[in-house]
Amino acid sequence: MSEGIEIPGHEHGHAGHGGEENPLVLPVSLTMSIMAVVLAAVTLLVHRTSTHELLLQAQATDQWAYYQAKNIRLHEMEANVDVFSTLSSKDAEKAEQMIQKYEKQVAKYESDKEDISEKAKELEKERDVLGRRADRLEGGEVFLEVGLVICSISLLTKKKGFWLLGVLFGIAGITVAATAWLVH
């Protein structure tokens, strides 16, 4: 008694109904193995790129929150200048010193706001590039997955056309994924 499951009407090995072996098994299996490895690499790149994109989004959001905080402080300092400029004081010299102090802080906050805004915009640009790059990688991933499925159909149908079509999808997937590095 042999071990394992036997399918009625099938010989042992890769033989078909007439006892002839399927010549596509080896090249299709090799092709599928290579495509699976490439697919795994592309999938890893998709995940890493998407994670980096999310990190940049968080950093840009932090920068805009920092910008807003500086803007609030700027308006507080401008209000202080207005108050000290319009109210009369017992000590005019001290009031003038306070006005100058707050005017310096206003200038500093204005300068800081511009730097923060530029940094936030740079982070957003980098995030957008990574988003477009991830889209290309994901497109390549889809083509590779479809190529694998079509190649597997060739093993079931024993038709070389499915294998060639699967290879074309695999090549398209690799090409689309590779274009991710052309995005700037």
N, C-alpha and C. Protein backbone atom coordinates (compact mmCIF):
# COMPACT_ATOMS: atom_id res chain seq x y z
N MET A 1 0.85 -1.17 0.00
CA MET A 1 0.00 0.00 0.00
C MET A 1 0.90 1.24 0.00
N SER A 2 0.62 2.16 -0.91
CA SER A 2 1.47 3.35 -0.97
C SER A 2 0.92 4.41 -0.04
N GLU A 3 1.83 5.27 0.43
CA GLU A 3 1.42 6.33 1.34
C GLU A 3 1.04 7.57 0.56
N GLY A 4 0.22 8.41 1.12
CA GLY A 4 -0.17 9.66 0.48
C GLY A 4 -1.51 9.52 -0.20
N ILE A 5 -1.92 10.56 -0.83
CA ILE A 5 -3.22 10.60 -1.50
C ILE A 5 -3.00 10.35 -2.98
N GLU A 6 -3.77 9.45 -3.52
CA GLU A 6 -3.69 9.17 -4.94
C GLU A 6 -4.91 9.76 -5.62
N ILE A 7 -4.66 10.42 -6.75
CA ILE A 7 -5.76 10.98 -7.52
C ILE A 7 -6.09 9.97 -8.61
N PRO A 8 -7.34 9.56 -8.68
CA PRO A 8 -7.71 8.56 -9.69
C PRO A 8 -7.41 9.05 -11.10
N GLY A 9 -6.85 8.18 -11.91
CA GLY A 9 -6.56 8.51 -13.30
C GLY A 9 -5.24 9.20 -13.51
N HIS A 10 -4.43 9.42 -12.47
CA HIS A 10 -3.14 10.09 -12.62
C HIS A 10 -2.02 9.14 -12.24
N GLU A 11 -0.99 9.18 -13.02
CA GLU A 11 0.20 8.37 -12.76
C GLU A 11 1.06 9.09 -11.74
N HIS A 12 2.02 8.41 -11.18
CA HIS A 12 2.98 9.05 -10.28
C HIS A 12 3.89 9.95 -11.09
N GLY A 13 4.43 11.00 -10.46
CA GLY A 13 5.35 11.92 -11.15
C GLY A 13 4.55 12.98 -11.89
N HIS A 14 5.15 13.49 -12.96
CA HIS A 14 4.55 14.58 -13.71
C HIS A 14 3.94 14.09 -15.01
N ALA A 15 3.69 12.86 -15.13
CA ALA A 15 3.17 12.32 -16.38
C ALA A 15 1.72 12.70 -16.56
N GLY A 16 1.35 12.91 -17.81
CA GLY A 16 -0.02 13.25 -18.16
C GLY A 16 -0.80 11.99 -18.46
N HIS A 17 -1.93 12.14 -19.16
CA HIS A 17 -2.79 10.99 -19.47
C HIS A 17 -2.10 9.97 -20.36
N GLY A 18 -1.30 10.38 -21.29
CA GLY A 18 -0.65 9.45 -22.20
C GLY A 18 0.68 8.97 -21.68
N GLY A 19 1.00 9.22 -20.45
CA GLY A 19 2.27 8.80 -19.89
C GLY A 19 3.40 9.76 -20.22
N GLU A 20 3.07 10.87 -20.90
CA GLU A 20 4.13 11.84 -21.24
C GLU A 20 4.23 12.91 -20.15
N GLU A 21 5.42 13.34 -19.91
CA GLU A 21 5.69 14.30 -18.85
C GLU A 21 5.42 15.72 -19.35
N ASN A 22 4.97 16.62 -18.46
CA ASN A 22 4.70 18.01 -18.82
C ASN A 22 6.03 18.76 -18.88
N PRO A 23 6.45 19.18 -20.07
CA PRO A 23 7.74 19.86 -20.20
C PRO A 23 7.74 21.26 -19.59
N LEU A 24 6.59 21.78 -19.25
CA LEU A 24 6.51 23.14 -18.70
C LEU A 24 6.76 23.20 -17.20
N VAL A 25 6.71 22.07 -16.52
CA VAL A 25 6.81 22.08 -15.06
C VAL A 25 8.09 22.75 -14.59
N LEU A 26 9.21 22.35 -15.10
CA LEU A 26 10.49 22.90 -14.62
C LEU A 26 10.64 24.39 -14.95
N PRO A 27 10.49 24.83 -16.22
CA PRO A 27 10.67 26.26 -16.49
C PRO A 27 9.63 27.14 -15.81
N VAL A 28 8.39 26.68 -15.74
CA VAL A 28 7.35 27.47 -15.08
C VAL A 28 7.61 27.55 -13.58
N SER A 29 8.00 26.45 -12.98
CA SER A 29 8.29 26.45 -11.54
C SER A 29 9.46 27.37 -11.23
N LEU A 30 10.49 27.33 -12.05
CA LEU A 30 11.64 28.20 -11.86
C LEU A 30 11.24 29.67 -12.02
N THR A 31 10.45 29.94 -13.05
CA THR A 31 9.97 31.32 -13.28
C THR A 31 9.15 31.80 -12.09
N MET A 32 8.27 30.96 -11.60
CA MET A 32 7.43 31.34 -10.47
C MET A 32 8.26 31.57 -9.21
N SER A 33 9.29 30.78 -9.02
CA SER A 33 10.17 30.96 -7.85
C SER A 33 10.88 32.31 -7.92
N ILE A 34 11.39 32.63 -9.09
CA ILE A 34 12.08 33.92 -9.27
C ILE A 34 11.10 35.07 -9.06
N MET A 35 9.92 34.96 -9.65
CA MET A 35 8.92 36.02 -9.50
C MET A 35 8.50 36.17 -8.04
N ALA A 36 8.41 35.08 -7.32
CA ALA A 36 8.03 35.15 -5.90
C ALA A 36 9.08 35.88 -5.08
N VAL A 37 10.34 35.64 -5.39
CA VAL A 37 11.42 36.33 -4.67
C VAL A 37 11.38 37.83 -4.98
N VAL A 38 11.22 38.17 -6.25
CA VAL A 38 11.14 39.58 -6.64
C VAL A 38 9.91 40.22 -6.00
N LEU A 39 8.79 39.51 -6.00
CA LEU A 39 7.57 40.01 -5.38
C LEU A 39 7.79 40.29 -3.89
N ALA A 40 8.48 39.40 -3.21
CA ALA A 40 8.76 39.60 -1.78
C ALA A 40 9.59 40.87 -1.56
N ALA A 41 10.58 41.07 -2.44
CA ALA A 41 11.43 42.27 -2.32
C ALA A 41 10.62 43.53 -2.58
N VAL A 42 9.79 43.52 -3.60
CA VAL A 42 8.96 44.69 -3.93
C VAL A 42 7.98 44.97 -2.80
N THR A 43 7.39 43.93 -2.25
CA THR A 43 6.45 44.09 -1.13
C THR A 43 7.14 44.73 0.07
N LEU A 44 8.35 44.30 0.36
CA LEU A 44 9.12 44.90 1.46
C LEU A 44 9.38 46.38 1.18
N LEU A 45 9.74 46.71 -0.06
CA LEU A 45 9.98 48.11 -0.41
C LEU A 45 8.71 48.94 -0.29
N VAL A 46 7.57 48.36 -0.66
CA VAL A 46 6.30 49.07 -0.52
C VAL A 46 6.05 49.41 0.95
N HIS A 47 6.24 48.43 1.82
CA HIS A 47 5.99 48.65 3.24
C HIS A 47 6.95 49.70 3.82
N ARG A 48 8.20 49.59 3.48
CA ARG A 48 9.19 50.56 4.01
C ARG A 48 8.91 51.97 3.49
N THR A 49 8.60 52.08 2.21
CA THR A 49 8.33 53.39 1.62
C THR A 49 7.08 54.01 2.24
N SER A 50 6.04 53.21 2.40
CA SER A 50 4.80 53.72 3.00
C SER A 50 5.01 54.14 4.45
N THR A 51 5.81 53.37 5.19
CA THR A 51 6.10 53.72 6.58
C THR A 51 6.87 55.04 6.65
N HIS A 52 7.85 55.19 5.77
CA HIS A 52 8.63 56.44 5.75
C HIS A 52 7.73 57.61 5.35
N GLU A 53 6.80 57.39 4.43
CA GLU A 53 5.86 58.43 4.03
C GLU A 53 5.02 58.88 5.23
N LEU A 54 4.53 57.93 6.02
CA LEU A 54 3.74 58.28 7.20
C LEU A 54 4.56 59.03 8.24
N LEU A 55 5.81 58.64 8.40
CA LEU A 55 6.69 59.33 9.34
C LEU A 55 6.90 60.79 8.91
N LEU A 56 7.11 61.00 7.62
CA LEU A 56 7.28 62.37 7.12
C LEU A 56 6.00 63.19 7.30
N GLN A 57 4.85 62.55 7.13
CA GLN A 57 3.59 63.26 7.35
C GLN A 57 3.48 63.71 8.80
N ALA A 58 3.84 62.84 9.71
CA ALA A 58 3.80 63.19 11.13
C ALA A 58 4.77 64.34 11.44
N GLN A 59 5.96 64.29 10.85
CA GLN A 59 6.94 65.35 11.07
C GLN A 59 6.46 66.68 10.49
N ALA A 60 5.84 66.64 9.31
CA ALA A 60 5.30 67.86 8.71
C ALA A 60 4.19 68.44 9.58
N THR A 61 3.34 67.57 10.09
CA THR A 61 2.26 68.02 10.97
C THR A 61 2.82 68.66 12.23
N ASP A 62 3.86 68.06 12.78
CA ASP A 62 4.52 68.65 13.96
C ASP A 62 5.07 70.03 13.64
N GLN A 63 5.67 70.18 12.47
CA GLN A 63 6.23 71.47 12.08
C GLN A 63 5.13 72.53 11.95
N TRP A 64 3.99 72.14 11.36
CA TRP A 64 2.90 73.10 11.24
C TRP A 64 2.33 73.47 12.61
N ALA A 65 2.29 72.53 13.52
CA ALA A 65 1.83 72.85 14.89
C ALA A 65 2.82 73.82 15.56
N TYR A 66 4.11 73.59 15.33
CA TYR A 66 5.15 74.47 15.87
C TYR A 66 5.01 75.86 15.26
N TYR A 67 4.75 75.91 13.96
CA TYR A 67 4.53 77.17 13.25
C TYR A 67 3.36 77.93 13.89
N GLN A 68 2.28 77.20 14.15
CA GLN A 68 1.11 77.83 14.75
C GLN A 68 1.42 78.35 16.15
N ALA A 69 2.18 77.61 16.92
CA ALA A 69 2.56 78.06 18.27
C ALA A 69 3.39 79.34 18.19
N LYS A 70 4.32 79.38 17.24
CA LYS A 70 5.13 80.59 17.06
C LYS A 70 4.25 81.76 16.63
N ASN A 71 3.28 81.49 15.79
CA ASN A 71 2.38 82.54 15.32
C ASN A 71 1.56 83.12 16.48
N ILE A 72 1.11 82.25 17.36
CA ILE A 72 0.36 82.71 18.53
C ILE A 72 1.25 83.59 19.42
N ARG A 73 2.49 83.14 19.64
CA ARG A 73 3.43 83.94 20.45
C ARG A 73 3.72 85.29 19.77
N LEU A 74 3.82 85.28 18.46
CA LEU A 74 4.05 86.52 17.71
C LEU A 74 2.91 87.51 17.97
N HIS A 75 1.69 87.03 17.89
CA HIS A 75 0.55 87.93 18.12
C HIS A 75 0.50 88.42 19.57
N GLU A 76 0.92 87.59 20.50
CA GLU A 76 0.99 88.02 21.90
C GLU A 76 2.01 89.15 22.05
N MET A 77 3.16 89.00 21.41
CA MET A 77 4.20 90.02 21.51
C MET A 77 3.76 91.32 20.82
N GLU A 78 3.07 91.19 19.68
CA GLU A 78 2.56 92.38 19.00
C GLU A 78 1.54 93.10 19.88
N ALA A 79 0.71 92.34 20.58
CA ALA A 79 -0.27 92.94 21.49
C ALA A 79 0.45 93.66 22.64
N ASN A 80 1.53 93.06 23.14
CA ASN A 80 2.30 93.71 24.20
C ASN A 80 2.90 95.03 23.73
N VAL A 81 3.43 95.03 22.50
CA VAL A 81 3.99 96.27 21.95
C VAL A 81 2.89 97.32 21.87
N ASP A 82 1.72 96.92 21.38
CA ASP A 82 0.61 97.86 21.26
C ASP A 82 0.21 98.42 22.62
N VAL A 83 0.14 97.55 23.62
CA VAL A 83 -0.26 97.99 24.96
C VAL A 83 0.75 99.00 25.51
N PHE A 84 2.05 98.65 25.44
CA PHE A 84 3.07 99.55 26.00
C PHE A 84 3.20 100.83 25.18
N SER A 85 2.84 100.79 23.92
CA SER A 85 2.94 101.99 23.07
C SER A 85 1.79 102.95 23.30
N THR A 86 0.64 102.44 23.67
CA THR A 86 -0.54 103.31 23.78
C THR A 86 -0.84 103.77 25.19
N LEU A 87 -0.41 103.04 26.19
CA LEU A 87 -0.70 103.44 27.56
C LEU A 87 0.41 104.35 28.09
N SER A 88 -0.03 105.28 28.92
CA SER A 88 0.98 106.14 29.55
C SER A 88 1.54 105.41 30.76
N SER A 89 2.80 105.67 31.04
CA SER A 89 3.48 104.96 32.11
C SER A 89 4.12 105.96 33.05
N LYS A 90 4.26 105.57 34.29
CA LYS A 90 4.95 106.40 35.27
C LYS A 90 6.42 106.49 34.91
N ASP A 91 6.96 105.41 34.34
CA ASP A 91 8.37 105.34 33.97
C ASP A 91 8.48 105.16 32.46
N ALA A 92 8.58 106.28 31.73
CA ALA A 92 8.59 106.25 30.27
C ALA A 92 9.81 105.48 29.74
N GLU A 93 10.94 105.60 30.42
CA GLU A 93 12.16 104.90 29.97
C GLU A 93 11.97 103.39 30.07
N LYS A 94 11.40 102.94 31.17
CA LYS A 94 11.15 101.51 31.38
C LYS A 94 10.15 101.01 30.33
N ALA A 95 9.12 101.81 30.03
CA ALA A 95 8.12 101.43 29.03
C ALA A 95 8.77 101.29 27.67
N GLU A 96 9.69 102.20 27.34
CA GLU A 96 10.39 102.15 26.04
C GLU A 96 11.27 100.90 25.97
N GLN A 97 11.90 100.55 27.05
CA GLN A 97 12.71 99.32 27.08
C GLN A 97 11.83 98.08 26.84
N MET A 98 10.65 98.08 27.45
CA MET A 98 9.74 96.96 27.26
C MET A 98 9.27 96.88 25.81
N ILE A 99 8.98 98.04 25.22
CA ILE A 99 8.55 98.06 23.81
C ILE A 99 9.66 97.49 22.93
N GLN A 100 10.90 97.92 23.16
CA GLN A 100 12.03 97.42 22.35
C GLN A 100 12.22 95.92 22.54
N LYS A 101 12.08 95.47 23.77
CA LYS A 101 12.21 94.04 24.06
C LYS A 101 11.18 93.24 23.27
N TYR A 102 9.91 93.69 23.33
CA TYR A 102 8.85 92.96 22.64
C TYR A 102 8.98 93.07 21.12
N GLU A 103 9.48 94.20 20.62
CA GLU A 103 9.68 94.33 19.17
C GLU A 103 10.76 93.37 18.67
N LYS A 104 11.81 93.17 19.49
CA LYS A 104 12.85 92.20 19.12
C LYS A 104 12.26 90.79 19.07
N GLN A 105 11.41 90.47 20.04
CA GLN A 105 10.78 89.15 20.06
C GLN A 105 9.84 88.98 18.86
N VAL A 106 9.14 90.06 18.47
CA VAL A 106 8.28 90.00 17.29
C VAL A 106 9.11 89.66 16.06
N ALA A 107 10.25 90.34 15.90
CA ALA A 107 11.13 90.08 14.75
C ALA A 107 11.65 88.64 14.77
N LYS A 108 12.01 88.15 15.97
CA LYS A 108 12.50 86.78 16.08
C LYS A 108 11.42 85.77 15.71
N TYR A 109 10.21 85.98 16.20
CA TYR A 109 9.11 85.05 15.89
C TYR A 109 8.78 85.08 14.39
N GLU A 110 8.85 86.26 13.78
CA GLU A 110 8.61 86.36 12.33
C GLU A 110 9.65 85.51 11.58
N SER A 111 10.90 85.65 11.98
CA SER A 111 11.98 84.89 11.34
C SER A 111 11.82 83.39 11.58
N ASP A 112 11.52 83.03 12.81
CA ASP A 112 11.33 81.61 13.14
C ASP A 112 10.19 80.99 12.34
N LYS A 113 9.09 81.75 12.20
CA LYS A 113 7.93 81.25 11.46
C LYS A 113 8.31 80.90 10.02
N GLU A 114 9.10 81.74 9.39
CA GLU A 114 9.50 81.49 8.00
C GLU A 114 10.34 80.21 7.90
N ASP A 115 11.29 80.04 8.83
CA ASP A 115 12.13 78.83 8.81
C ASP A 115 11.30 77.57 9.04
N ILE A 116 10.39 77.64 9.99
CA ILE A 116 9.54 76.49 10.32
C ILE A 116 8.65 76.15 9.13
N SER A 117 8.08 77.16 8.51
CA SER A 117 7.21 76.96 7.35
C SER A 117 7.98 76.29 6.21
N GLU A 118 9.19 76.73 5.95
CA GLU A 118 10.01 76.14 4.89
C GLU A 118 10.32 74.67 5.18
N LYS A 119 10.65 74.38 6.43
CA LYS A 119 10.95 72.99 6.80
C LYS A 119 9.72 72.11 6.62
N ALA A 120 8.55 72.61 7.03
CA ALA A 120 7.31 71.85 6.88
C ALA A 120 7.02 71.59 5.41
N LYS A 121 7.22 72.58 4.57
CA LYS A 121 6.98 72.42 3.13
C LYS A 121 7.95 71.42 2.51
N GLU A 122 9.20 71.44 2.95
CA GLU A 122 10.19 70.46 2.46
C GLU A 122 9.78 69.04 2.85
N LEU A 123 9.33 68.86 4.10
CA LEU A 123 8.87 67.55 4.55
C LEU A 123 7.67 67.08 3.73
N GLU A 124 6.77 67.99 3.41
CA GLU A 124 5.60 67.63 2.61
C GLU A 124 5.99 67.23 1.19
N LYS A 125 6.96 67.94 0.62
CA LYS A 125 7.43 67.58 -0.73
C LYS A 125 8.06 66.19 -0.73
N GLU A 126 8.89 65.92 0.27
CA GLU A 126 9.53 64.60 0.37
C GLU A 126 8.48 63.52 0.59
N ARG A 127 7.48 63.82 1.41
CA ARG A 127 6.38 62.87 1.65
C ARG A 127 5.63 62.57 0.35
N ASP A 128 5.39 63.61 -0.45
CA ASP A 128 4.68 63.43 -1.71
C ASP A 128 5.47 62.56 -2.69
N VAL A 129 6.79 62.75 -2.73
CA VAL A 129 7.64 61.92 -3.58
C VAL A 129 7.55 60.46 -3.15
N LEU A 130 7.63 60.24 -1.85
CA LEU A 130 7.55 58.87 -1.34
C LEU A 130 6.17 58.25 -1.63
N GLY A 131 5.13 59.06 -1.58
CA GLY A 131 3.80 58.56 -1.91
C GLY A 131 3.71 58.10 -3.35
N ARG A 132 4.26 58.91 -4.26
CA ARG A 132 4.25 58.52 -5.68
C ARG A 132 5.13 57.30 -5.91
N ARG A 133 6.24 57.23 -5.19
CA ARG A 133 7.14 56.07 -5.30
C ARG A 133 6.43 54.80 -4.80
N ALA A 134 5.73 54.92 -3.68
CA ALA A 134 5.00 53.77 -3.14
C ALA A 134 3.91 53.32 -4.11
N ASP A 135 3.26 54.28 -4.78
CA ASP A 135 2.23 53.92 -5.76
C ASP A 135 2.83 53.08 -6.89
N ARG A 136 4.01 53.47 -7.37
CA ARG A 136 4.67 52.70 -8.44
C ARG A 136 5.04 51.30 -7.95
N LEU A 137 5.57 51.23 -6.75
CA LEU A 137 5.95 49.93 -6.19
C LEU A 137 4.72 49.03 -6.03
N GLU A 138 3.62 49.62 -5.58
CA GLU A 138 2.39 48.84 -5.42
C GLU A 138 1.87 48.36 -6.77
N GLY A 139 1.99 49.20 -7.81
CA GLY A 139 1.59 48.78 -9.15
C GLY A 139 2.44 47.61 -9.62
N GLY A 140 3.74 47.69 -9.38
CA GLY A 140 4.63 46.58 -9.73
C GLY A 140 4.27 45.32 -8.98
N GLU A 141 3.90 45.49 -7.74
CA GLU A 141 3.51 44.35 -6.90
C GLU A 141 2.29 43.65 -7.50
N VAL A 142 1.32 44.42 -7.95
CA VAL A 142 0.11 43.84 -8.53
C VAL A 142 0.44 43.06 -9.80
N PHE A 143 1.24 43.65 -10.68
CA PHE A 143 1.62 42.95 -11.92
C PHE A 143 2.35 41.64 -11.61
N LEU A 144 3.24 41.67 -10.64
CA LEU A 144 3.96 40.44 -10.27
C LEU A 144 3.01 39.38 -9.74
N GLU A 145 2.05 39.78 -8.91
CA GLU A 145 1.09 38.82 -8.37
C GLU A 145 0.24 38.21 -9.49
N VAL A 146 -0.21 39.05 -10.42
CA VAL A 146 -0.99 38.54 -11.54
C VAL A 146 -0.14 37.60 -12.39
N GLY A 147 1.12 37.97 -12.61
CA GLY A 147 2.03 37.11 -13.36
C GLY A 147 2.19 35.74 -12.72
N LEU A 148 2.30 35.71 -11.42
CA LEU A 148 2.40 34.42 -10.72
C LEU A 148 1.16 33.56 -10.92
N VAL A 149 0.01 34.17 -10.81
CA VAL A 149 -1.24 33.43 -10.97
C VAL A 149 -1.35 32.89 -12.40
N ILE A 150 -1.04 33.71 -13.38
CA ILE A 150 -1.14 33.27 -14.77
C ILE A 150 -0.14 32.15 -15.05
N CYS A 151 1.07 32.26 -14.51
CA CYS A 151 2.05 31.18 -14.67
C CYS A 151 1.52 29.88 -14.07
N SER A 152 0.87 29.97 -12.94
CA SER A 152 0.36 28.74 -12.32
C SER A 152 -0.75 28.12 -13.16
N ILE A 153 -1.48 28.92 -13.89
CA ILE A 153 -2.52 28.39 -14.78
C ILE A 153 -1.88 27.53 -15.87
N SER A 154 -0.67 27.92 -16.29
CA SER A 154 0.00 27.13 -17.34
C SER A 154 0.32 25.72 -16.84
N LEU A 155 0.55 25.55 -15.55
CA LEU A 155 0.81 24.22 -15.01
C LEU A 155 -0.46 23.37 -15.03
N LEU A 156 -1.59 24.01 -14.83
CA LEU A 156 -2.86 23.27 -14.83
C LEU A 156 -3.32 22.94 -16.25
N THR A 157 -3.13 23.90 -17.16
CA THR A 157 -3.63 23.72 -18.52
C THR A 157 -2.60 23.11 -19.46
N LYS A 158 -1.33 23.12 -19.05
CA LYS A 158 -0.22 22.64 -19.87
C LYS A 158 -0.11 23.41 -21.18
N LYS A 159 -0.45 24.70 -21.11
CA LYS A 159 -0.38 25.57 -22.29
C LYS A 159 0.70 26.61 -22.07
N LYS A 160 1.64 26.64 -23.01
CA LYS A 160 2.80 27.52 -22.92
C LYS A 160 2.39 29.00 -22.97
N GLY A 161 1.28 29.30 -23.62
CA GLY A 161 0.83 30.69 -23.76
C GLY A 161 0.60 31.36 -22.41
N PHE A 162 0.04 30.62 -21.47
CA PHE A 162 -0.18 31.19 -20.14
C PHE A 162 1.15 31.51 -19.46
N TRP A 163 2.10 30.63 -19.64
CA TRP A 163 3.42 30.87 -19.04
C TRP A 163 4.03 32.15 -19.61
N LEU A 164 4.00 32.29 -20.94
CA LEU A 164 4.57 33.48 -21.58
C LEU A 164 3.82 34.74 -21.16
N LEU A 165 2.51 34.64 -21.06
CA LEU A 165 1.73 35.80 -20.59
C LEU A 165 2.09 36.14 -19.15
N GLY A 166 2.25 35.13 -18.32
CA GLY A 166 2.66 35.36 -16.93
C GLY A 166 4.03 36.02 -16.84
N VAL A 167 4.95 35.57 -17.70
CA VAL A 167 6.28 36.17 -17.74
C VAL A 167 6.18 37.64 -18.15
N LEU A 168 5.33 37.94 -19.12
CA LEU A 168 5.14 39.34 -19.54
C LEU A 168 4.60 40.20 -18.39
N PHE A 169 3.65 39.66 -17.66
CA PHE A 169 3.14 40.40 -16.49
C PHE A 169 4.25 40.58 -15.45
N GLY A 170 5.06 39.57 -15.25
CA GLY A 170 6.18 39.68 -14.31
C GLY A 170 7.17 40.75 -14.73
N ILE A 171 7.50 40.77 -16.02
CA ILE A 171 8.42 41.80 -16.54
C ILE A 171 7.80 43.18 -16.38
N ALA A 172 6.49 43.28 -16.66
CA ALA A 172 5.81 44.56 -16.47
C ALA A 172 5.87 44.99 -15.01
N GLY A 173 5.68 44.04 -14.10
CA GLY A 173 5.74 44.36 -12.67
C GLY A 173 7.10 44.85 -12.25
N ILE A 174 8.13 44.18 -12.73
CA ILE A 174 9.50 44.61 -12.39
C ILE A 174 9.77 46.00 -12.96
N THR A 175 9.31 46.23 -14.19
CA THR A 175 9.53 47.52 -14.84
C THR A 175 8.81 48.65 -14.09
N VAL A 176 7.55 48.42 -13.76
CA VAL A 176 6.77 49.44 -13.03
C VAL A 176 7.41 49.71 -11.67
N ALA A 177 7.80 48.67 -10.97
CA ALA A 177 8.44 48.85 -9.66
C ALA A 177 9.76 49.60 -9.79
N ALA A 178 10.52 49.29 -10.84
CA ALA A 178 11.82 49.95 -11.02
C ALA A 178 11.67 51.44 -11.32
N THR A 179 10.54 51.82 -11.92
CA THR A 179 10.33 53.25 -12.22
C THR A 179 10.10 54.07 -10.96
N ALA A 180 9.93 53.41 -9.84
CA ALA A 180 9.73 54.15 -8.58
C ALA A 180 10.93 55.05 -8.29
N TRP A 181 12.11 54.64 -8.73
CA TRP A 181 13.30 55.45 -8.45
C TRP A 181 13.49 56.57 -9.45
N LEU A 182 12.63 56.64 -10.45
CA LEU A 182 12.66 57.76 -11.39
C LEU A 182 11.82 58.93 -10.88
N VAL A 183 11.00 58.68 -9.85
CA VAL A 183 10.15 59.72 -9.27
C VAL A 183 10.99 60.62 -8.39
N HIS A 184 10.89 61.91 -8.67
CA HIS A 184 11.63 62.89 -7.87
C HIS A 184 10.72 64.01 -7.43
